[in-house]
Amino acid sequence: MNYNQMTAGRDLDRLIAEKIMGWATHRDWKGHLLYEAPGEGWTLIPEFSTDRSAARAVKEIMGGKISDHLTDPHHICVAALKAVPVATADASVEKTPEKKEKEGKKGGGE
């Protein structure tokens, strides 16, 4: 995926929630993006790619892997996604039953 081509918005926010924050996400029946907050239930995903305070939280999570000179929320989100190793990013994405079955066959399955 070419993160440079992504625009600010809820799709980018969802990727940040899943790949950077490690949250399981889903859309409710109204189309709202939610994550399960411990002790709070399902909560709206912050607007990481458009809100400066939410983007600052992304920078803090990344622990210095993003330049202090970046201040635009969209650029912070893109930089965060590019800084995460692909294997780590892929591991945080929920696997479908089909993917799990294919992996079981590749590994010799039980």
N, C-alpha and C. Protein backbone atom coordinates (compact mmCIF):
# COMPACT_ATOMS: atom_id res chain seq x y z
N MET A 1 0.84 -1.17 0.00
CA MET A 1 0.00 0.00 0.00
C MET A 1 0.89 1.24 0.00
N ASN A 2 0.55 2.19 -0.84
CA ASN A 2 1.31 3.44 -0.91
C ASN A 2 0.64 4.47 0.00
N TYR A 3 1.17 4.62 1.20
CA TYR A 3 0.59 5.54 2.17
C TYR A 3 0.67 6.99 1.71
N ASN A 4 1.65 7.34 0.88
CA ASN A 4 1.78 8.71 0.39
C ASN A 4 0.57 9.16 -0.40
N GLN A 5 -0.15 8.24 -0.99
CA GLN A 5 -1.30 8.59 -1.80
C GLN A 5 -2.59 8.68 -1.00
N MET A 6 -2.55 8.32 0.27
CA MET A 6 -3.75 8.38 1.09
C MET A 6 -4.06 9.81 1.50
N THR A 7 -5.34 10.14 1.47
CA THR A 7 -5.76 11.47 1.91
C THR A 7 -6.18 11.38 3.37
N ALA A 8 -6.19 12.53 4.03
CA ALA A 8 -6.66 12.58 5.41
C ALA A 8 -8.13 12.17 5.44
N GLY A 9 -8.50 11.41 6.46
CA GLY A 9 -9.89 10.98 6.57
C GLY A 9 -10.01 9.71 7.38
N ARG A 10 -11.20 9.18 7.40
CA ARG A 10 -11.49 8.05 8.28
C ARG A 10 -10.79 6.75 7.87
N ASP A 11 -10.50 6.55 6.59
CA ASP A 11 -9.76 5.35 6.21
C ASP A 11 -8.34 5.38 6.78
N LEU A 12 -7.72 6.54 6.72
CA LEU A 12 -6.38 6.70 7.29
C LEU A 12 -6.45 6.57 8.82
N ASP A 13 -7.47 7.14 9.43
CA ASP A 13 -7.65 7.03 10.89
C ASP A 13 -7.78 5.57 11.31
N ARG A 14 -8.52 4.77 10.51
CA ARG A 14 -8.68 3.35 10.82
C ARG A 14 -7.35 2.61 10.76
N LEU A 15 -6.55 2.91 9.74
CA LEU A 15 -5.23 2.28 9.64
C LEU A 15 -4.35 2.62 10.83
N ILE A 16 -4.38 3.88 11.26
CA ILE A 16 -3.60 4.28 12.44
C ILE A 16 -4.08 3.51 13.66
N ALA A 17 -5.39 3.43 13.83
CA ALA A 17 -5.95 2.71 14.99
C ALA A 17 -5.50 1.26 15.00
N GLU A 18 -5.52 0.61 13.84
CA GLU A 18 -5.18 -0.81 13.78
C GLU A 18 -3.68 -1.06 13.80
N LYS A 19 -2.93 -0.35 12.97
CA LYS A 19 -1.51 -0.67 12.78
C LYS A 19 -0.58 0.03 13.76
N ILE A 20 -0.96 1.19 14.23
CA ILE A 20 -0.10 1.92 15.16
C ILE A 20 -0.56 1.71 16.60
N MET A 21 -1.85 1.89 16.84
CA MET A 21 -2.37 1.76 18.20
C MET A 21 -2.63 0.30 18.59
N GLY A 22 -2.78 -0.59 17.58
CA GLY A 22 -3.02 -2.00 17.86
C GLY A 22 -4.45 -2.31 18.28
N TRP A 23 -5.38 -1.47 17.90
CA TRP A 23 -6.78 -1.63 18.30
C TRP A 23 -7.55 -2.47 17.29
N ALA A 24 -8.47 -3.27 17.78
CA ALA A 24 -9.44 -3.94 16.91
C ALA A 24 -10.51 -2.91 16.59
N THR A 25 -10.91 -2.82 15.33
CA THR A 25 -11.88 -1.81 14.93
C THR A 25 -13.04 -2.43 14.17
N HIS A 26 -14.12 -1.70 14.12
CA HIS A 26 -15.25 -2.06 13.24
C HIS A 26 -16.13 -0.83 13.05
N ARG A 27 -17.02 -0.92 12.07
CA ARG A 27 -18.00 0.14 11.83
C ARG A 27 -19.33 -0.33 12.41
N ASP A 28 -20.03 0.59 13.09
CA ASP A 28 -21.35 0.23 13.60
C ASP A 28 -22.38 0.36 12.48
N TRP A 29 -23.62 0.10 12.78
CA TRP A 29 -24.67 0.10 11.76
C TRP A 29 -24.88 1.47 11.14
N LYS A 30 -24.40 2.54 11.81
CA LYS A 30 -24.50 3.89 11.26
C LYS A 30 -23.26 4.28 10.47
N GLY A 31 -22.26 3.40 10.44
CA GLY A 31 -21.04 3.68 9.70
C GLY A 31 -19.94 4.35 10.52
N HIS A 32 -20.15 4.52 11.83
CA HIS A 32 -19.13 5.12 12.68
C HIS A 32 -17.98 4.14 12.91
N LEU A 33 -16.75 4.65 12.87
CA LEU A 33 -15.57 3.82 13.15
C LEU A 33 -15.37 3.74 14.66
N LEU A 34 -15.29 2.53 15.17
CA LEU A 34 -15.17 2.31 16.61
C LEU A 34 -13.99 1.40 16.93
N TYR A 35 -13.48 1.54 18.17
CA TYR A 35 -12.51 0.59 18.71
C TYR A 35 -12.96 0.23 20.11
N GLU A 36 -12.51 -0.92 20.60
CA GLU A 36 -12.90 -1.35 21.93
C GLU A 36 -11.91 -0.82 22.95
N ALA A 37 -12.36 0.14 23.75
CA ALA A 37 -11.53 0.74 24.78
C ALA A 37 -11.69 -0.07 26.07
N PRO A 38 -10.57 -0.51 26.66
CA PRO A 38 -10.65 -1.30 27.89
C PRO A 38 -11.47 -0.58 28.96
N GLY A 39 -12.48 -1.26 29.47
CA GLY A 39 -13.32 -0.72 30.53
C GLY A 39 -14.35 0.30 30.07
N GLU A 40 -14.34 0.64 28.79
CA GLU A 40 -15.29 1.64 28.29
C GLU A 40 -16.20 1.11 27.20
N GLY A 41 -15.91 -0.07 26.67
CA GLY A 41 -16.68 -0.59 25.56
C GLY A 41 -16.25 0.03 24.25
N TRP A 42 -17.12 0.00 23.26
CA TRP A 42 -16.79 0.52 21.93
C TRP A 42 -16.87 2.03 21.93
N THR A 43 -15.82 2.67 21.42
CA THR A 43 -15.65 4.12 21.43
C THR A 43 -15.26 4.60 20.03
N LEU A 44 -15.66 5.83 19.70
CA LEU A 44 -15.28 6.38 18.39
C LEU A 44 -13.76 6.49 18.26
N ILE A 45 -13.25 6.13 17.09
CA ILE A 45 -11.82 6.28 16.81
C ILE A 45 -11.51 7.77 16.66
N PRO A 46 -10.46 8.26 17.30
CA PRO A 46 -10.08 9.67 17.13
C PRO A 46 -9.78 10.00 15.67
N GLU A 47 -9.90 11.24 15.32
CA GLU A 47 -9.60 11.70 13.96
C GLU A 47 -8.11 12.02 13.86
N PHE A 48 -7.30 10.96 13.90
CA PHE A 48 -5.84 11.10 13.92
C PHE A 48 -5.31 11.95 12.77
N SER A 49 -5.88 11.80 11.58
CA SER A 49 -5.32 12.44 10.39
C SER A 49 -5.74 13.90 10.20
N THR A 50 -6.64 14.38 11.05
CA THR A 50 -7.08 15.78 10.92
C THR A 50 -7.03 16.56 12.23
N ASP A 51 -6.88 15.90 13.35
CA ASP A 51 -6.88 16.56 14.65
C ASP A 51 -5.47 16.59 15.24
N ARG A 52 -4.98 17.77 15.53
CA ARG A 52 -3.59 17.92 16.03
C ARG A 52 -3.34 17.18 17.34
N SER A 53 -4.28 17.22 18.28
CA SER A 53 -4.04 16.56 19.56
C SER A 53 -4.03 15.04 19.39
N ALA A 54 -4.89 14.51 18.52
CA ALA A 54 -4.89 13.07 18.27
C ALA A 54 -3.60 12.66 17.56
N ALA A 55 -3.12 13.51 16.64
CA ALA A 55 -1.87 13.22 15.93
C ALA A 55 -0.67 13.26 16.89
N ARG A 56 -0.73 14.13 17.89
CA ARG A 56 0.35 14.15 18.89
C ARG A 56 0.43 12.83 19.63
N ALA A 57 -0.72 12.23 19.89
CA ALA A 57 -0.74 10.92 20.56
C ALA A 57 -0.04 9.87 19.70
N VAL A 58 -0.20 9.97 18.37
CA VAL A 58 0.47 9.05 17.46
C VAL A 58 1.98 9.25 17.57
N LYS A 59 2.43 10.50 17.58
CA LYS A 59 3.88 10.78 17.70
C LYS A 59 4.43 10.21 19.00
N GLU A 60 3.67 10.35 20.08
CA GLU A 60 4.13 9.83 21.38
C GLU A 60 4.25 8.31 21.35
N ILE A 61 3.27 7.64 20.75
CA ILE A 61 3.30 6.18 20.64
C ILE A 61 4.52 5.72 19.84
N MET A 62 4.87 6.49 18.82
CA MET A 62 5.98 6.12 17.94
C MET A 62 7.35 6.34 18.60
N GLY A 63 7.40 7.01 19.71
CA GLY A 63 8.63 7.13 20.48
C GLY A 63 9.83 7.68 19.73
N GLY A 64 9.70 8.78 19.04
CA GLY A 64 10.83 9.41 18.38
C GLY A 64 11.10 8.94 16.96
N LYS A 65 10.26 8.06 16.43
CA LYS A 65 10.46 7.58 15.05
C LYS A 65 9.92 8.56 14.02
N ILE A 66 9.26 9.63 14.50
CA ILE A 66 8.71 10.65 13.61
C ILE A 66 9.37 11.98 13.95
N SER A 67 9.78 12.71 12.94
CA SER A 67 10.47 13.98 13.11
C SER A 67 9.63 14.96 13.93
N ASP A 68 10.30 15.67 14.83
CA ASP A 68 9.63 16.70 15.62
C ASP A 68 9.16 17.85 14.74
N HIS A 69 9.73 17.96 13.55
CA HIS A 69 9.37 19.05 12.64
C HIS A 69 8.02 18.81 11.96
N LEU A 70 7.54 17.58 11.98
CA LEU A 70 6.23 17.30 11.38
C LEU A 70 5.15 17.77 12.35
N THR A 71 4.25 18.62 11.88
CA THR A 71 3.16 19.11 12.72
C THR A 71 1.79 18.86 12.10
N ASP A 72 1.74 18.63 10.80
CA ASP A 72 0.46 18.39 10.13
C ASP A 72 -0.03 16.98 10.47
N PRO A 73 -1.25 16.85 10.98
CA PRO A 73 -1.75 15.53 11.37
C PRO A 73 -1.69 14.48 10.25
N HIS A 74 -2.03 14.87 9.04
CA HIS A 74 -1.98 13.93 7.92
C HIS A 74 -0.56 13.41 7.70
N HIS A 75 0.42 14.31 7.69
CA HIS A 75 1.81 13.92 7.48
C HIS A 75 2.33 13.06 8.62
N ILE A 76 1.91 13.35 9.84
CA ILE A 76 2.31 12.53 11.00
C ILE A 76 1.79 11.10 10.82
N CYS A 77 0.54 10.97 10.41
CA CYS A 77 -0.04 9.63 10.22
C CYS A 77 0.66 8.84 9.12
N VAL A 78 0.94 9.50 8.01
CA VAL A 78 1.64 8.83 6.91
C VAL A 78 3.04 8.40 7.37
N ALA A 79 3.74 9.29 8.07
CA ALA A 79 5.09 8.96 8.56
C ALA A 79 5.04 7.79 9.53
N ALA A 80 4.04 7.75 10.39
CA ALA A 80 3.91 6.66 11.36
C ALA A 80 3.72 5.32 10.64
N LEU A 81 2.84 5.30 9.66
CA LEU A 81 2.60 4.05 8.93
C LEU A 81 3.84 3.59 8.17
N LYS A 82 4.57 4.54 7.62
CA LYS A 82 5.79 4.19 6.89
C LYS A 82 6.90 3.72 7.83
N ALA A 83 6.86 4.14 9.08
CA ALA A 83 7.90 3.78 10.04
C ALA A 83 7.70 2.40 10.66
N VAL A 84 6.50 1.84 10.54
CA VAL A 84 6.20 0.55 11.14
C VAL A 84 6.61 -0.55 10.16
N PRO A 85 7.39 -1.52 10.60
CA PRO A 85 7.77 -2.63 9.71
C PRO A 85 6.52 -3.33 9.18
N VAL A 86 6.57 -3.77 7.95
CA VAL A 86 5.42 -4.39 7.30
C VAL A 86 4.93 -5.59 8.09
N ALA A 87 5.83 -6.43 8.57
CA ALA A 87 5.43 -7.63 9.31
C ALA A 87 4.66 -7.25 10.57
N THR A 88 5.10 -6.20 11.26
CA THR A 88 4.42 -5.75 12.47
C THR A 88 3.05 -5.20 12.11
N ALA A 89 2.99 -4.40 11.05
CA ALA A 89 1.72 -3.82 10.63
C ALA A 89 0.75 -4.91 10.23
N ASP A 90 1.21 -5.90 9.48
CA ASP A 90 0.33 -6.98 9.04
C ASP A 90 -0.16 -7.82 10.22
N ALA A 91 0.66 -7.99 11.23
CA ALA A 91 0.29 -8.81 12.38
C ALA A 91 -0.85 -8.20 13.16
N SER A 92 -1.00 -6.87 13.11
CA SER A 92 -2.05 -6.24 13.88
C SER A 92 -3.39 -6.27 13.17
N VAL A 93 -3.41 -6.64 11.90
CA VAL A 93 -4.65 -6.70 11.16
C VAL A 93 -5.34 -8.02 11.47
N GLU A 94 -6.61 -7.95 11.79
CA GLU A 94 -7.37 -9.15 12.13
C GLU A 94 -7.41 -10.10 10.94
N LYS A 95 -7.16 -11.36 11.19
CA LYS A 95 -7.15 -12.35 10.11
C LYS A 95 -8.54 -12.95 9.94
N THR A 96 -8.93 -13.09 8.70
CA THR A 96 -10.20 -13.73 8.40
C THR A 96 -10.04 -15.24 8.56
N PRO A 97 -11.16 -15.96 8.71
CA PRO A 97 -11.05 -17.42 8.80
C PRO A 97 -10.36 -18.03 7.58
N GLU A 98 -10.57 -17.41 6.39
CA GLU A 98 -9.93 -17.92 5.18
C GLU A 98 -8.41 -17.79 5.25
N LYS A 99 -7.94 -16.64 5.75
CA LYS A 99 -6.48 -16.44 5.89
C LYS A 99 -5.90 -17.41 6.90
N LYS A 100 -6.62 -17.63 8.01
CA LYS A 100 -6.13 -18.55 9.03
C LYS A 100 -6.01 -19.96 8.47
N GLU A 101 -7.03 -20.35 7.66
CA GLU A 101 -7.02 -21.70 7.06
C GLU A 101 -5.84 -21.86 6.10
N LYS A 102 -5.58 -20.85 5.26
CA LYS A 102 -4.47 -20.91 4.31
C LYS A 102 -3.15 -21.01 5.04
N GLU A 103 -2.99 -20.24 6.15
CA GLU A 103 -1.74 -20.29 6.91
C GLU A 103 -1.54 -21.65 7.54
N GLY A 104 -2.64 -22.28 7.98
CA GLY A 104 -2.55 -23.61 8.56
C GLY A 104 -2.07 -24.63 7.55
N LYS A 105 -2.52 -24.50 6.28
CA LYS A 105 -2.10 -25.42 5.23
C LYS A 105 -0.64 -25.21 4.86
N LYS A 106 -0.17 -23.94 4.87
CA LYS A 106 1.22 -23.65 4.55
C LYS A 106 2.16 -24.22 5.59
N GLY A 107 1.74 -24.14 6.85
CA GLY A 107 2.60 -24.57 7.94
C GLY A 107 2.46 -26.05 8.27
N GLY A 108 1.79 -26.79 7.45
CA GLY A 108 1.68 -28.21 7.70
C GLY A 108 0.35 -28.55 8.39
N GLY A 109 -0.35 -27.51 8.94
CA GLY A 109 -1.67 -27.70 9.56
C GLY A 109 -1.73 -28.89 10.49
N GLU A 110 -2.63 -28.84 11.40
CA GLU A 110 -2.79 -29.96 12.35
C GLU A 110 -4.04 -30.73 12.10
